[in-house]
C-alpha atoms as a PDB file:
ATOM      1  CA  MET A   1      -5.528   5.809 -24.857  1.00  0.00           C
ATOM      2  CA  PRO A   2      -7.410   2.490 -24.918  1.00  0.00           C
ATOM      3  CA  LYS A   3     -11.172   2.770 -24.589  1.00  0.00           C
ATOM      4  CA  GLY A   4     -13.523   0.394 -22.811  1.00  0.00           C
ATOM      5  CA  ARG A   5     -10.894  -1.546 -20.837  1.00  0.00           C
ATOM      6  CA  LEU A   6      -8.733  -1.133 -17.760  1.00  0.00           C
ATOM      7  CA  LEU A   7      -5.210   0.219 -18.149  1.00  0.00           C
ATOM      8  CA  THR A   8      -2.064  -1.606 -17.088  1.00  0.00           C
ATOM      9  CA  GLU A   9       0.363   0.191 -14.790  1.00  0.00           C
ATOM     10  CA  HIS A  10       2.672   0.802 -17.739  1.00  0.00           C
ATOM     11  CA  GLU A  11      -0.179   2.371 -19.757  1.00  0.00           C
ATOM     12  CA  TRP A  12      -1.431   4.723 -17.038  1.00  0.00           C
ATOM     13  CA  ARG A  13       2.098   5.799 -16.135  1.00  0.00           C
ATOM     14  CA  SER A  14       2.873   6.467 -19.824  1.00  0.00           C
ATOM     15  CA  ILE A  15      -0.025   8.966 -20.021  1.00  0.00           C
ATOM     16  CA  GLY A  16       1.445  10.918 -17.104  1.00  0.00           C
ATOM     17  CA  VAL A  17      -0.284   9.519 -14.011  1.00  0.00           C
ATOM     18  CA  GLN A  18       2.165   9.743 -11.096  1.00  0.00           C
ATOM     19  CA  GLN A  19       1.513   7.970  -7.816  1.00  0.00           C
ATOM     20  CA  SER A  20       3.227   5.563  -5.449  1.00  0.00           C
ATOM     21  CA  ARG A  21       3.541   1.840  -6.177  1.00  0.00           C
ATOM     22  CA  GLY A  22       0.780  -0.697  -5.655  1.00  0.00           C
ATOM     23  CA  TRP A  23      -2.157   1.138  -7.260  1.00  0.00           C
ATOM     24  CA  VAL A  24      -4.377  -0.742  -9.740  1.00  0.00           C
ATOM     25  CA  HIS A  25      -6.800   0.819 -12.232  1.00  0.00           C
ATOM     26  CA  TYR A  26      -9.967  -1.045 -11.231  1.00  0.00           C
ATOM     27  CA  ALA A  27     -13.008   0.618 -12.816  1.00  0.00           C
ATOM     28  CA  ILE A  28     -14.240   2.766 -15.666  1.00  0.00           C
ATOM     29  CA  HIS A  29     -16.637   5.547 -14.711  1.00  0.00           C
ATOM     30  CA  ARG A  30     -18.978   5.332 -17.725  1.00  0.00           C
ATOM     31  CA  PRO A  31     -20.495   8.849 -17.419  1.00  0.00           C
ATOM     32  CA  GLU A  32     -16.974  10.336 -17.436  1.00  0.00           C
ATOM     33  CA  PRO A  33     -14.514   7.891 -19.041  1.00  0.00           C
ATOM     34  CA  HIS A  34     -11.603  10.328 -18.562  1.00  0.00           C
ATOM     35  CA  VAL A  35     -11.875   9.734 -14.776  1.00  0.00           C
ATOM     36  CA  LEU A  36      -9.556   6.892 -13.736  1.00  0.00           C
ATOM     37  CA  LEU A  37     -10.437   4.976 -10.555  1.00  0.00           C
ATOM     38  CA  PHE A  38      -7.591   3.339  -8.614  1.00  0.00           C
ATOM     39  CA  ARG A  39      -7.345   1.161  -5.505  1.00  0.00           C
ATOM     40  CA  ARG A  40      -4.745  -0.681  -3.486  1.00  0.00           C
ATOM     41  CA  PRO A  41      -4.841  -2.834  -0.335  1.00  0.00           C
ATOM     42  CA  LEU A  42      -4.289  -1.217   3.055  1.00  0.00           C
ATOM     43  CA  ASN A  43      -0.722  -1.337   4.386  1.00  0.00           C
ATOM     44  CA  THR A  44       0.804  -1.298   0.887  1.00  0.00           C
ATOM     45  CA  ASP A  45       4.414  -0.107   0.946  1.00  0.00           C
ATOM     46  CA  PRO A  46       4.418   3.015  -1.288  1.00  0.00           C
ATOM     47  CA  VAL A  47       7.995   2.387  -2.437  1.00  0.00           C
ATOM     48  CA  THR A  48       7.818  -1.317  -3.326  1.00  0.00           C
ATOM     49  CA  GLY A  49       4.080  -1.771  -3.910  1.00  0.00           C
ATOM     50  CA  LEU A  50       4.158  -4.884  -1.725  1.00  0.00           C
ATOM     51  CA  VAL A  51       1.822  -5.750   1.157  1.00  0.00           C
ATOM     52  CA  ASP A  52       3.715  -7.505   3.938  1.00  0.00           C
ATOM     53  CA  GLY A  53       6.279  -8.611   1.342  1.00  0.00           C
ATOM     54  CA  LYS A  54       3.638 -10.054  -1.006  1.00  0.00           C
ATOM     55  CA  GLN A  55       2.795  -8.860  -4.511  1.00  0.00           C
ATOM     56  CA  ILE A  56      -0.536  -7.474  -5.688  1.00  0.00           C
ATOM     57  CA  ASP A  57      -2.310  -9.119  -8.625  1.00  0.00           C
ATOM     58  CA  PRO A  58      -2.627  -6.321 -11.210  1.00  0.00           C
ATOM     59  CA  ALA A  59      -5.811  -7.856 -12.630  1.00  0.00           C
ATOM     60  CA  THR A  60      -7.720  -8.043  -9.352  1.00  0.00           C
ATOM     61  CA  GLY A  61      -5.886  -5.720  -6.969  1.00  0.00           C
ATOM     62  CA  LYS A  62      -5.720  -8.537  -4.391  1.00  0.00           C
ATOM     63  CA  VAL A  63      -2.655  -9.747  -2.504  1.00  0.00           C
ATOM     64  CA  ILE A  64      -1.018 -12.841  -4.054  1.00  0.00           C
ATOM     65  CA  GLY A  65       0.049 -15.601  -1.690  1.00  0.00           C
END
């Protein structure tokens, strides 16, 4: 597992994290680096990961467009 940087969706799913679409790993909890912090915009479709038909920027967690 990479240390000191945020994980891509592919990376966190490959280590066994299972959750609906649209979540972005956004922070590292320095006291406990094994704790992964995720966020996603309100009204995200859990199946597609889209918000009102728009994609989410995986780097920032913000809606694109």
